[in-house]
Amino acid sequence: MTTTSVQSDVLVVGGGLAGLVTAIECLRAGKSVTLVDRDTPQRLGGLALWAFGGMALVDTPLQRRMKLKDSPERAFEDWVRFGELGEQEHWPRQWAHHYVQHSRERVYDWVVGHGLKFMPAVNWVERGLQGNGNSLPRYHIVWGTSQWLTQRMIETLHQANTGNRLRLLSNHEIVGIESHDGVVTGANGINHDTGQSVLFAAQAVVLAMGGMNGSHEQARANWPPTRPLPATMLNGAHPFANGKLHHLVAGLGGHITHAGEMWNYAAGLPHPQPHFPGHGLSAIPCKSALWLDHTGRRIGPEPLVTGFDTHLLCQRVAAQEMPYTWHLLNWRIAIKEFAISGAEHNQRIRDRQLPMFLKETLLGNHRLIKQMAAESQHFLVADTLAELAAKMNALTGTNDVQPDVLQQTADGFDANFQRGDSLVNDDQIRRIEQARHWGPDRLRTCKPAPLQAKGAGPFIAIQMQLITRKSLGGLKTDLQSRVLDAADQPIEGLYCVGEAAGFGGGGASGKRSLEGTFLPGCILTARAAARSIVAGRGL
C-alpha cells in the first residue's frame, strides 16, 4: 500500500484541549497546521470533552468580588509547599511560577474572551490536611463544564482556519517521530480508517497526546515502590493516553520525569455504561459520609474526609486490605453532597440550565441519586442497616460486613450528637464545620447530624475503589514548551504541551495538585508553544 505525504508548518499530535489551543494560536498567526487525533471525529477534544471544567486561577475578578485577596506570590507559596517542589526542581518550579503569574490574563481573560463564563462562586478545594494546601478558594467552574469549553475551542479552530490552512485528521495514530541530524522534521503514522501509512512533514512537531495513566500497565510500572498499590483500579483517564509516544521521544533523547507522580482519585465506581474496558466514574465523595473498610468499620483513627488532601486519601485507600472501601450515608446527605466529576453527570451545569441547577442545589439532587440507584449495582439503598449489610455482602460475594458491626459503626458516630455540641470530639465533624464556614461549601455540605436521624433515610452504601486520572509527570520542557534532553538542551523542532508534558516542565505540580490546575495547564503550555513556534523559529 502506498504512503500518503502531508506537509504543513506545524504538526499537532493529539486533539485534546492542549492540542486544540496550540492549533488555534498557530492558525491565528498565519501558519498551516495539521492536527492528528487518534480518536473518532465525535470524540475530538479528548478527556476535556468529558471533564467537569474546574480551573485553579489566581487573583481573578470573581475572587475579588468575593473579597478574596489572592496574589501570584501567595499562590506560588501554596503550590510549592503542597506539591513538595524542592529547589532542585528547576523546570517544574519555573512552570509553577509561570502558571500563578499568568493564569489571570492568559487563561481567565482568554477564556472569557471566547464567550465563556464562570459560575459566580469560587470553591475551596485541596485545603491540605494541616492547612498546607490552598490557603483560600481558587477553584473556578466553567459554566457549561469543560464540554462547552471544548466545543467552543473546536468552533474557534474552524473559525481560525482562513485560507484552508488546517488539515484535521481523526482516527490517525502517530507511530514514529522523524528526525535528521538531531532536528525533528515530522512524524509517521497510520490511518486506521484505511490502514494506509502517512508521512507528516513539518518544521515544528507539537506533542499533545495526553499522559500515561490511560494504561494500567504504565501506571503500575511507574508506581512509586514506597506507596501502597491496590490489586485493582478503575480507569478514569483516556485509554489512548498510554505513554507510547513518551517512550518514542525518550529514544530520541527526550527526558521523561516524575512518571511515578499521578493525580488519582480515591472514590471511583464502575461506569454503568462503560466507554471502554475498566472505565470508571470519579465520585466527589460526600464529606458527611462515613468511609469504611471492607468489614464495615470506620477507617481511622483519623477519619477520611474529602476536600483536604486527595494525594493522602489515595494512599490510605490503597493501603486497605481489600482494593475497595465503602461509603455509608443516608438520603439526606446524598441529595445535597453526592456528585460525580465530569460533564456527563452534571447536566444542569453542562447544559447551562440555571433555574434547574438552583432548584437542585437548594432542594437536593434527587434525580442523580435515583439514577445511580437504578443504574449502578455499586450504589446500594436500603431501609435498615441490616438490609444494607446483606446487600453489601451480596455484591462482594462475602460475609465480611456483619450487621452488628455496621450498626456499631453508625451508633458510634451518632453518639457524638447525644452528648451535645459542646462535647463533640470527632475530626470528621470538625472538618465539616470548617468547610461550612465558606458559603459555596455550605450550600453543598450538610449540617452535621446523626446518620440514623428520623426522616433522613433510607441508608446508602457505595462501593468505591481507586481510579486513575492524570499523569503529573511527563516529558521535560522549558518555558517555551520545547522538549528537553537529559542535559536540559532543547530538541530542535519538538514541543510538548498539556498532560504529555506533566502540564509543563515534566511535573509542574510535584506530588500534589492544588486541583483545577490541569485545564489551565493545557492552555498555558499550548499558548507558550505557539508563541515559541511563531516567534522563535520564524516560520
Protein backbone atom coordinates (compact mmCIF):
# COMPACT_ATOMS: atom_id res chain seq x y z
CA MET A 1 0.00 0.00 0.00
CA THR A 2 1.30 3.45 -0.87
CA THR A 3 2.27 6.06 1.69
CA THR A 4 0.46 9.40 1.78
CA SER A 5 2.50 12.53 2.44
CA VAL A 6 1.16 15.54 4.32
CA GLN A 7 3.12 18.76 4.76
CA SER A 8 2.43 21.80 6.94
CA ASP A 9 4.25 24.36 9.06
CA VAL A 10 3.10 22.74 12.30
CA LEU A 11 2.08 19.19 13.17
CA VAL A 12 -0.01 18.88 16.33
CA VAL A 13 -0.32 15.34 17.70
CA GLY A 14 -3.47 14.98 19.79
CA GLY A 15 -6.84 16.70 19.65
CA GLY A 16 -7.41 17.35 23.34
CA LEU A 17 -7.62 20.84 24.81
CA ALA A 18 -3.86 21.45 24.65
CA GLY A 19 -3.71 20.36 21.01
CA LEU A 20 -6.73 22.45 20.04
CA VAL A 21 -5.36 25.59 21.68
CA THR A 22 -1.96 25.10 20.05
CA ALA A 23 -3.58 24.73 16.63
CA ILE A 24 -5.81 27.77 17.16
CA GLU A 25 -2.92 30.02 18.14
CA CYS A 26 -0.75 28.86 15.24
CA LEU A 27 -3.57 29.31 12.73
CA ARG A 28 -4.24 32.80 14.03
CA ALA A 29 -0.57 33.59 13.41
CA GLY A 30 -0.97 32.57 9.77
CA LYS A 31 0.66 29.14 9.93
CA SER A 32 -0.55 25.98 8.25
CA VAL A 33 -1.44 23.25 10.73
CA THR A 34 -2.05 19.52 10.59
CA LEU A 35 -3.92 18.27 13.66
CA VAL A 36 -3.78 14.48 14.06
CA ASP A 37 -6.07 12.77 16.55
CA ARG A 38 -6.20 9.08 17.42
CA ASP A 39 -9.93 9.04 18.25
CA THR A 40 -13.11 9.38 16.21
CA PRO A 41 -14.31 12.80 14.96
CA GLN A 42 -17.13 12.74 17.55
CA ARG A 43 -14.58 12.47 20.36
CA LEU A 44 -12.38 15.35 19.24
CA GLY A 45 -11.44 17.16 22.42
CA GLY A 46 -10.14 14.14 24.31
CA LEU A 47 -10.65 13.90 28.04
CA ALA A 48 -11.51 17.61 28.23
CA LEU A 49 -14.74 16.84 26.35
CA TRP A 50 -15.91 14.84 29.38
CA ALA A 51 -14.27 16.78 32.23
CA PHE A 52 -16.05 18.94 34.80
CA GLY A 53 -14.34 22.22 33.98
CA GLY A 54 -12.72 23.32 37.23
CA MET A 55 -9.82 25.75 37.00
CA ALA A 56 -7.47 26.97 39.72
CA LEU A 57 -6.98 30.65 38.89
CA VAL A 58 -5.20 33.41 40.76
CA ASP A 59 -6.38 36.93 41.61
CA THR A 60 -9.39 36.97 39.30
CA PRO A 61 -12.29 39.46 39.19
CA LEU A 62 -14.52 36.71 40.59
CA GLN A 63 -12.23 36.24 43.59
CA ARG A 64 -12.15 39.98 44.17
CA ARG A 65 -15.96 40.18 44.07
CA MET A 66 -15.97 37.57 46.84
CA LYS A 67 -13.45 39.68 48.79
CA LEU A 68 -10.66 37.13 48.39
CA LYS A 69 -7.23 38.75 48.48
CA ASP A 70 -5.16 36.42 46.34
CA SER A 71 -1.82 37.04 44.65
CA PRO A 72 0.70 35.15 42.50
CA GLU A 73 3.14 35.22 45.41
CA ARG A 74 0.66 33.64 47.80
CA ALA A 75 -0.41 31.05 45.21
CA PHE A 76 3.19 30.10 44.46
CA GLU A 77 3.90 29.60 48.15
CA ASP A 78 0.85 27.32 48.45
CA TRP A 79 1.80 25.47 45.25
CA VAL A 80 5.38 24.55 46.09
CA ARG A 81 4.56 23.74 49.72
CA PHE A 82 1.67 21.42 48.87
CA GLY A 83 3.41 19.83 45.87
CA GLU A 84 6.65 19.48 47.86
CA LEU A 85 8.60 21.04 45.00
CA GLY A 86 12.20 21.43 46.11
CA GLU A 87 14.68 24.00 44.87
CA GLN A 88 16.30 21.35 42.67
CA GLU A 89 13.08 21.02 40.63
CA HIS A 90 14.09 23.76 38.23
CA TRP A 91 11.65 23.45 35.32
CA PRO A 92 8.63 22.31 37.39
CA ARG A 93 9.13 25.34 39.65
CA GLN A 94 9.56 27.59 36.62
CA TRP A 95 6.26 26.36 35.23
CA ALA A 96 4.53 26.67 38.59
CA HIS A 97 5.72 30.27 38.78
CA HIS A 98 4.62 30.90 35.18
CA TYR A 99 1.18 29.48 35.99
CA VAL A 100 0.47 31.64 39.03
CA GLN A 101 1.84 34.75 37.31
CA HIS A 102 -0.17 34.36 34.11
CA SER A 103 -3.33 32.35 34.88
CA ARG A 104 -5.37 35.55 35.14
CA GLU A 105 -4.69 37.10 31.73
CA ARG A 106 -3.63 34.04 29.72
CA VAL A 107 -6.37 31.71 30.98
CA TYR A 108 -9.20 33.57 32.74
CA ASP A 109 -9.27 36.58 30.40
CA TRP A 110 -8.58 34.38 27.36
CA VAL A 111 -11.42 32.01 28.20
CA VAL A 112 -13.86 34.86 28.89
CA GLY A 113 -12.71 36.49 25.65
CA HIS A 114 -14.00 33.44 23.79
CA GLY A 115 -17.52 34.00 25.07
CA LEU A 116 -17.36 31.59 28.02
CA LYS A 117 -18.40 32.31 31.58
CA PHE A 118 -17.51 31.05 35.02
CA MET A 119 -20.06 30.17 37.69
CA PRO A 120 -20.44 33.03 40.20
CA ALA A 121 -18.77 31.24 43.12
CA VAL A 122 -15.20 30.19 43.81
CA ASN A 123 -14.88 26.86 45.60
CA TRP A 124 -12.31 25.91 48.21
CA VAL A 125 -10.72 22.53 47.47
CA GLU A 126 -7.46 20.84 48.48
CA ARG A 127 -7.11 22.87 51.66
CA GLY A 128 -4.48 20.48 52.96
CA LEU A 129 -4.94 18.20 55.93
CA GLN A 130 -2.99 20.63 58.08
CA GLY A 131 -3.97 23.77 56.19
CA ASN A 132 -0.99 23.35 53.89
CA GLY A 133 -2.88 23.42 50.57
CA ASN A 134 -4.94 26.23 49.06
CA SER A 135 -4.87 28.98 51.68
CA LEU A 136 -8.01 30.45 50.09
CA PRO A 137 -10.57 29.47 47.42
CA ARG A 138 -9.29 29.37 43.82
CA TYR A 139 -11.44 26.73 42.11
CA HIS A 140 -13.42 28.37 39.28
CA ILE A 141 -16.00 26.31 37.37
CA VAL A 142 -16.73 26.87 33.69
CA TRP A 143 -20.46 27.41 33.17
CA GLY A 144 -21.27 24.66 30.67
CA THR A 145 -18.50 22.41 32.02
CA SER A 146 -15.35 21.56 30.13
CA GLN A 147 -17.55 20.11 27.40
CA TRP A 148 -18.80 23.58 26.45
CA LEU A 149 -15.25 24.91 26.68
CA THR A 150 -14.05 22.17 24.33
CA GLN A 151 -16.89 22.66 21.88
CA ARG A 152 -16.16 26.38 21.85
CA MET A 153 -12.49 25.67 21.10
CA ILE A 154 -13.47 23.40 18.20
CA GLU A 155 -15.66 26.19 16.81
CA THR A 156 -12.78 28.63 17.24
CA LEU A 157 -10.42 26.24 15.49
CA HIS A 158 -12.58 26.23 12.37
CA GLN A 159 -13.08 30.00 12.55
CA ALA A 160 -9.29 30.44 12.62
CA ASN A 161 -8.94 28.27 9.52
CA THR A 162 -8.93 31.06 6.97
CA GLY A 163 -7.40 30.15 3.65
CA ASN A 164 -7.89 26.42 4.25
CA ARG A 165 -4.65 26.13 6.24
CA LEU A 166 -5.94 23.41 8.61
CA ARG A 167 -5.91 19.70 7.96
CA LEU A 168 -7.82 17.85 10.68
CA LEU A 169 -7.30 14.09 10.66
CA SER A 170 -9.15 11.76 13.05
CA ASN A 171 -8.53 8.03 13.50
CA HIS A 172 -4.84 8.61 12.79
CA GLU A 173 -2.13 7.26 15.09
CA ILE A 174 1.43 8.57 15.21
CA VAL A 175 3.83 5.65 15.48
CA GLY A 176 7.19 7.34 14.91
CA ILE A 177 9.00 10.67 15.04
CA GLU A 178 11.14 11.72 12.08
CA SER A 179 14.49 13.24 13.00
CA HIS A 180 17.58 14.14 10.97
CA ASP A 181 20.86 15.35 12.47
CA GLY A 182 19.14 15.95 15.80
CA VAL A 183 16.35 18.05 14.28
CA VAL A 184 12.76 16.79 14.32
CA THR A 185 11.25 17.11 10.85
CA GLY A 186 7.92 15.36 11.18
CA ALA A 187 6.34 12.04 12.06
CA ASN A 188 4.91 8.93 10.52
CA GLY A 189 1.55 7.44 11.30
CA ILE A 190 -1.27 5.12 10.34
CA ASN A 191 -4.72 5.99 9.05
CA HIS A 192 -6.86 3.47 10.93
CA ASP A 193 -9.77 4.00 8.56
CA THR A 194 -7.77 2.74 5.56
CA GLY A 195 -4.73 1.08 7.11
CA GLN A 196 -2.58 3.37 4.98
CA SER A 197 0.75 4.78 6.17
CA VAL A 198 1.07 8.55 6.34
CA LEU A 199 4.26 10.62 6.39
CA PHE A 200 3.89 14.03 8.03
CA ALA A 201 6.47 16.71 7.32
CA ALA A 202 6.56 19.84 9.47
CA GLN A 203 9.02 22.42 10.75
CA ALA A 204 7.57 22.04 14.25
CA VAL A 205 6.00 18.97 15.88
CA VAL A 206 3.87 19.57 18.98
CA LEU A 207 3.07 16.55 21.15
CA ALA A 208 -0.31 16.85 22.85
CA MET A 209 -1.17 13.17 23.26
CA GLY A 210 -2.07 13.24 26.95
CA GLY A 211 -0.44 11.37 29.79
CA MET A 212 0.39 7.77 30.56
CA ASN A 213 -2.30 6.79 33.08
CA GLY A 214 -4.70 5.51 30.43
CA SER A 215 -2.58 2.37 30.51
CA HIS A 216 -2.76 0.42 33.77
CA GLU A 217 0.42 -1.33 32.69
CA GLN A 218 2.21 2.03 32.61
CA ALA A 219 0.60 3.21 35.84
CA ARG A 220 1.73 0.07 37.67
CA ALA A 221 5.20 0.13 36.11
CA ASN A 222 5.70 3.74 37.26
CA TRP A 223 4.05 3.37 40.68
CA PRO A 224 6.45 4.52 43.43
CA PRO A 225 7.64 1.47 45.40
CA THR A 226 7.24 3.42 48.65
CA ARG A 227 3.48 3.82 48.17
CA PRO A 228 0.81 1.13 48.50
CA LEU A 229 -0.52 -0.24 45.20
CA PRO A 230 -4.07 -1.67 45.17
CA ALA A 231 -4.71 -5.01 43.49
CA THR A 232 -7.28 -3.46 41.14
CA MET A 233 -8.06 0.03 39.89
CA LEU A 234 -10.54 1.67 37.58
CA ASN A 235 -9.54 3.78 34.59
CA GLY A 236 -10.61 7.41 34.64
CA ALA A 237 -8.08 8.50 32.04
CA HIS A 238 -8.25 8.24 28.25
CA PRO A 239 -7.30 4.73 27.05
CA PHE A 240 -5.20 6.22 24.21
CA ALA A 241 -3.08 8.10 26.78
CA ASN A 242 -0.78 5.10 27.06
CA GLY A 243 2.74 6.54 27.15
CA LYS A 244 3.87 5.07 23.80
CA LEU A 245 4.89 8.41 22.33
CA HIS A 246 6.63 9.37 25.56
CA HIS A 247 8.92 6.40 25.16
CA LEU A 248 9.44 7.06 21.44
CA VAL A 249 10.62 10.56 22.30
CA ALA A 250 12.83 9.17 25.06
CA GLY A 251 14.51 7.13 22.32
CA LEU A 252 15.34 10.43 20.58
CA GLY A 253 16.89 11.84 23.74
CA GLY A 254 13.83 13.35 25.38
CA HIS A 255 13.66 13.09 29.14
CA ILE A 256 10.63 11.61 30.97
CA THR A 257 10.48 12.85 34.56
CA HIS A 258 8.21 12.31 37.58
CA ALA A 259 6.47 9.38 35.89
CA GLY A 260 5.54 7.97 39.29
CA GLU A 261 3.61 11.08 40.29
CA MET A 262 -0.08 10.73 39.45
CA TRP A 263 -3.29 12.52 40.27
CA ASN A 264 -5.61 9.63 41.02
CA TYR A 265 -8.85 9.65 42.98
CA ALA A 266 -9.84 7.53 45.95
CA ALA A 267 -13.55 7.21 45.18
CA GLY A 268 -14.23 5.66 41.81
CA LEU A 269 -17.03 3.32 40.79
CA PRO A 270 -17.52 1.39 37.55
CA HIS A 271 -19.28 3.32 34.81
CA PRO A 272 -22.75 1.77 34.32
CA GLN A 273 -22.36 2.22 30.53
CA PRO A 274 -18.58 1.95 30.06
CA HIS A 275 -16.97 3.54 27.01
CA PHE A 276 -14.01 1.15 27.26
CA PRO A 277 -12.92 -1.80 29.48
CA GLY A 278 -12.39 -0.80 33.10
CA HIS A 279 -13.97 2.63 32.59
CA GLY A 280 -14.73 4.28 35.92
CA LEU A 281 -16.57 7.32 37.21
CA SER A 282 -14.85 9.58 39.70
CA ALA A 283 -17.24 10.43 42.50
CA ILE A 284 -16.90 13.58 44.55
CA PRO A 285 -17.22 11.90 47.95
CA CYS A 286 -19.68 13.27 50.47
CA LYS A 287 -17.92 14.98 53.35
CA SER A 288 -20.64 13.70 55.68
CA ALA A 289 -20.42 10.05 54.59
CA LEU A 290 -18.54 7.60 56.82
CA TRP A 291 -15.62 6.00 54.97
CA LEU A 292 -15.50 2.29 55.89
CA ASP A 293 -13.19 -0.65 55.26
CA HIS A 294 -14.37 -3.91 53.71
CA THR A 295 -15.77 -5.11 57.06
CA GLY A 296 -17.97 -2.05 57.61
CA ARG A 297 -15.70 -0.48 60.21
CA ARG A 298 -14.82 3.18 60.01
CA ILE A 299 -11.32 3.75 58.64
CA GLY A 300 -9.21 5.51 61.25
CA PRO A 301 -8.01 6.52 63.66
CA GLU A 302 -8.10 9.72 61.60
CA PRO A 303 -11.30 9.56 59.52
CA LEU A 304 -11.13 10.06 55.77
CA VAL A 305 -12.71 13.32 54.61
CA THR A 306 -12.60 14.64 51.07
CA GLY A 307 -11.61 18.17 50.09
CA PHE A 308 -8.36 18.40 52.02
CA ASP A 309 -5.65 16.13 50.59
CA THR A 310 -6.53 13.86 47.66
CA HIS A 311 -2.97 12.52 47.45
CA LEU A 312 -3.13 11.26 51.03
CA LEU A 313 -6.66 9.90 50.60
CA CYS A 314 -5.46 7.77 47.70
CA GLN A 315 -2.59 6.34 49.73
CA ARG A 316 -4.80 5.49 52.67
CA VAL A 317 -7.40 3.81 50.46
CA ALA A 318 -4.68 1.91 48.57
CA ALA A 319 -3.30 0.65 51.87
CA GLN A 320 -6.56 -1.08 52.83
CA GLU A 321 -6.68 -4.87 53.00
CA MET A 322 -9.13 -5.05 50.08
CA PRO A 323 -8.96 -2.90 46.91
CA TYR A 324 -12.29 -1.25 47.73
CA THR A 325 -13.91 0.74 50.51
CA TRP A 326 -17.48 1.62 51.44
CA HIS A 327 -19.15 4.99 51.88
CA LEU A 328 -22.01 4.88 54.38
CA LEU A 329 -24.55 7.71 54.22
CA ASN A 330 -28.26 8.43 54.04
CA TRP A 331 -30.58 10.02 51.50
CA ARG A 332 -30.41 13.43 53.24
CA ILE A 333 -26.64 13.53 52.78
CA ALA A 334 -26.67 12.09 49.27
CA ILE A 335 -29.05 14.59 47.68
CA LYS A 336 -27.04 17.54 49.00
CA GLU A 337 -23.46 16.30 48.77
CA PHE A 338 -23.07 13.42 46.31
CA ALA A 339 -21.75 14.32 42.87
CA ILE A 340 -19.83 12.74 40.04
CA SER A 341 -16.98 14.60 38.40
CA GLY A 342 -17.34 15.37 34.71
CA ALA A 343 -19.81 16.75 32.21
CA GLU A 344 -21.85 13.57 31.79
CA HIS A 345 -23.48 13.59 35.24
CA ASN A 346 -23.66 17.36 35.75
CA GLN A 347 -26.49 18.01 33.33
CA ARG A 348 -27.66 21.32 34.78
CA ILE A 349 -24.21 22.91 34.62
CA ARG A 350 -23.30 21.25 31.32
CA ASP A 351 -26.49 22.39 29.57
CA ARG A 352 -26.47 25.75 31.37
CA GLN A 353 -29.90 25.23 32.93
CA LEU A 354 -29.69 27.84 35.67
CA PRO A 355 -33.20 27.55 37.19
CA MET A 356 -32.94 23.75 37.47
CA PHE A 357 -29.39 23.99 38.84
CA LEU A 358 -30.54 26.37 41.56
CA LYS A 359 -33.54 24.16 42.37
CA GLU A 360 -31.40 21.02 42.73
CA THR A 361 -28.79 22.89 44.77
CA LEU A 362 -31.37 24.21 47.20
CA LEU A 363 -33.78 21.26 47.33
CA GLY A 364 -31.42 18.37 46.65
CA ASN A 365 -30.40 16.43 43.56
CA HIS A 366 -32.88 13.56 43.90
CA ARG A 367 -32.59 12.96 40.15
CA LEU A 368 -28.91 11.93 40.28
CA ILE A 369 -29.35 9.72 43.36
CA LYS A 370 -32.31 7.90 41.79
CA GLN A 371 -30.32 7.48 38.56
CA MET A 372 -27.32 5.95 40.34
CA ALA A 373 -29.53 3.67 42.44
CA ALA A 374 -31.20 2.42 39.26
CA GLU A 375 -28.10 2.11 37.06
CA SER A 376 -25.21 1.13 39.34
CA GLN A 377 -25.02 -2.15 41.23
CA HIS A 378 -22.35 -0.49 43.41
CA PHE A 379 -24.83 2.10 44.71
CA LEU A 380 -26.94 0.29 47.32
CA VAL A 381 -30.06 1.60 49.03
CA ALA A 382 -31.89 0.00 51.98
CA ASP A 383 -34.35 0.96 54.70
CA THR A 384 -32.37 -0.67 57.50
CA LEU A 385 -28.68 -1.15 58.24
CA ALA A 386 -29.18 -4.91 58.46
CA GLU A 387 -30.71 -4.96 54.99
CA LEU A 388 -27.88 -2.77 53.74
CA ALA A 389 -25.25 -5.14 55.16
CA ALA A 390 -26.90 -8.03 53.33
CA LYS A 391 -26.76 -6.12 50.04
CA MET A 392 -23.10 -5.21 50.61
CA ASN A 393 -22.23 -8.85 51.15
CA ALA A 394 -24.26 -9.95 48.13
CA LEU A 395 -22.29 -7.55 45.94
CA THR A 396 -18.90 -8.79 47.14
CA GLY A 397 -19.88 -12.45 47.48
CA THR A 398 -18.64 -12.48 51.09
CA ASN A 399 -19.92 -12.22 54.64
CA ASP A 400 -17.37 -9.54 55.51
CA VAL A 401 -19.92 -6.97 56.69
CA GLN A 402 -21.66 -8.22 59.81
CA PRO A 403 -24.93 -6.38 60.55
CA ASP A 404 -23.99 -5.80 64.18
CA VAL A 405 -20.64 -4.29 63.15
CA LEU A 406 -22.30 -1.89 60.70
CA GLN A 407 -24.79 -0.96 63.41
CA GLN A 408 -21.97 -0.31 65.89
CA THR A 409 -20.22 1.89 63.32
CA ALA A 410 -23.34 4.03 62.83
CA ASP A 411 -24.08 4.12 66.57
CA GLY A 412 -20.52 5.16 67.37
CA PHE A 413 -20.75 8.14 65.05
CA ASP A 414 -24.24 9.11 66.17
CA ALA A 415 -23.16 9.09 69.81
CA ASN A 416 -21.39 12.40 69.13
CA PHE A 417 -24.75 14.12 68.93
CA GLN A 418 -26.13 12.60 72.14
CA ARG A 419 -23.52 14.42 74.21
CA GLY A 420 -24.38 17.90 72.92
CA ASP A 421 -22.45 20.23 70.63
CA SER A 422 -20.03 21.26 73.38
CA LEU A 423 -18.78 17.67 73.76
CA VAL A 424 -18.40 16.67 70.09
CA ASN A 425 -14.94 15.19 69.61
CA ASP A 426 -14.82 13.80 66.09
CA ASP A 427 -12.36 15.04 63.49
CA GLN A 428 -14.76 14.49 60.58
CA ILE A 429 -17.38 16.70 62.23
CA ARG A 430 -14.76 19.36 62.93
CA ARG A 431 -13.72 19.37 59.27
CA ILE A 432 -17.33 19.53 58.09
CA GLU A 433 -17.96 22.52 60.32
CA GLN A 434 -14.82 24.18 58.98
CA ALA A 435 -15.92 23.63 55.37
CA ARG A 436 -19.35 25.10 56.11
CA HIS A 437 -17.80 28.43 57.09
CA TRP A 438 -17.24 29.11 53.35
CA GLY A 439 -20.55 29.97 51.65
CA PRO A 440 -20.26 27.86 48.46
CA ASP A 441 -19.21 24.83 50.53
CA ARG A 442 -22.07 25.41 52.96
CA LEU A 443 -24.53 25.08 50.07
CA ARG A 444 -23.17 21.60 49.28
CA THR A 445 -22.41 20.31 52.80
CA CYS A 446 -24.97 19.11 55.34
CA LYS A 447 -25.10 20.40 58.87
CA PRO A 448 -23.69 17.54 60.98
CA ALA A 449 -26.44 15.27 62.26
CA PRO A 450 -26.90 11.64 63.31
CA LEU A 451 -26.71 9.17 60.46
CA GLN A 452 -29.80 7.47 61.85
CA ALA A 453 -31.78 10.68 62.32
CA LYS A 454 -35.52 10.26 61.85
CA GLY A 455 -36.61 11.08 58.30
CA ALA A 456 -33.05 11.13 56.89
CA GLY A 457 -33.26 7.68 55.26
CA PRO A 458 -33.11 5.39 53.51
CA PHE A 459 -29.49 4.33 54.07
CA ILE A 460 -26.99 4.19 51.21
CA ALA A 461 -23.72 2.28 50.81
CA ILE A 462 -21.46 2.97 47.83
CA GLN A 463 -18.62 0.61 46.97
CA MET A 464 -15.62 2.72 45.90
CA GLN A 465 -12.14 1.97 44.63
CA LEU A 466 -9.09 3.86 43.42
CA ILE A 467 -9.42 5.33 39.94
CA THR A 468 -6.53 6.58 37.79
CA ARG A 469 -6.83 10.04 36.30
CA LYS A 470 -3.95 12.36 35.39
CA SER A 471 -0.21 11.89 34.96
CA LEU A 472 1.63 14.55 36.94
CA GLY A 473 4.89 13.67 35.19
CA GLY A 474 5.82 13.68 31.53
CA LEU A 475 8.36 14.95 29.04
CA LYS A 476 10.57 17.67 30.45
CA THR A 477 10.03 21.05 28.77
CA ASP A 478 11.27 24.61 29.13
CA LEU A 479 9.06 27.70 29.33
CA GLN A 480 8.73 27.67 25.54
CA SER A 481 7.30 24.12 25.75
CA ARG A 482 10.36 22.79 23.90
CA VAL A 483 11.21 19.18 24.74
CA LEU A 484 14.47 18.95 26.66
CA ASP A 485 17.02 16.18 26.74
CA ALA A 486 18.76 14.86 29.84
CA ALA A 487 21.24 17.75 29.63
CA ASP A 488 18.39 20.30 29.58
CA GLN A 489 19.02 21.16 25.95
CA PRO A 490 16.03 21.57 23.60
CA ILE A 491 15.47 19.05 20.83
CA GLU A 492 15.08 21.30 17.82
CA GLY A 493 11.65 21.24 16.25
CA LEU A 494 9.96 19.28 19.05
CA TYR A 495 7.46 20.68 21.54
CA CYS A 496 5.23 19.11 24.18
CA VAL A 497 2.11 20.55 25.82
CA GLY A 498 -0.56 19.70 28.36
CA GLU A 499 -0.56 16.46 30.30
CA ALA A 500 2.08 14.95 28.00
CA ALA A 501 4.49 17.50 29.49
CA GLY A 502 3.28 16.97 33.05
CA PHE A 503 1.43 20.27 32.41
CA GLY A 504 4.79 21.94 31.99
CA GLY A 505 8.38 21.10 32.84
CA GLY A 506 7.71 17.38 33.15
CA GLY A 507 5.99 17.70 36.53
CA ALA A 508 4.85 21.20 37.48
CA SER A 509 2.57 20.05 40.30
CA GLY A 510 5.11 17.92 42.12
CA LYS A 511 3.40 15.35 44.33
CA ARG A 512 0.08 17.19 44.69
CA SER A 513 -2.05 19.46 42.61
CA LEU A 514 -3.94 22.38 44.10
CA GLU A 515 -6.75 20.85 41.96
CA GLY A 516 -8.07 22.54 38.84
CA THR A 517 -4.56 23.15 37.54
CA PHE A 518 -4.90 20.82 34.55
CA LEU A 519 -7.17 22.65 32.10
CA PRO A 520 -5.28 25.94 32.66
CA GLY A 521 -2.02 23.97 32.37
CA CYS A 522 -3.14 22.78 28.94
CA ILE A 523 -3.94 26.32 27.84
CA LEU A 524 -0.75 27.88 29.23
CA THR A 525 1.64 25.28 27.80
CA ALA A 526 -0.14 25.34 24.43
CA ARG A 527 -0.01 29.10 24.13
CA ALA A 528 3.66 29.07 25.12
CA ALA A 529 4.44 26.53 22.39
CA ALA A 530 2.59 28.56 19.76
CA ARG A 531 4.42 31.77 20.73
CA SER A 532 7.75 29.97 20.50
CA ILE A 533 6.96 28.38 17.16
CA VAL A 534 5.82 31.64 15.60
CA ALA A 535 8.44 33.94 17.07
CA GLY A 536 11.36 31.73 17.95
CA ARG A 537 11.53 29.64 14.79
CA GLY A 538 10.37 32.38 12.46
CA LEU A 539 8.04 30.16 10.46
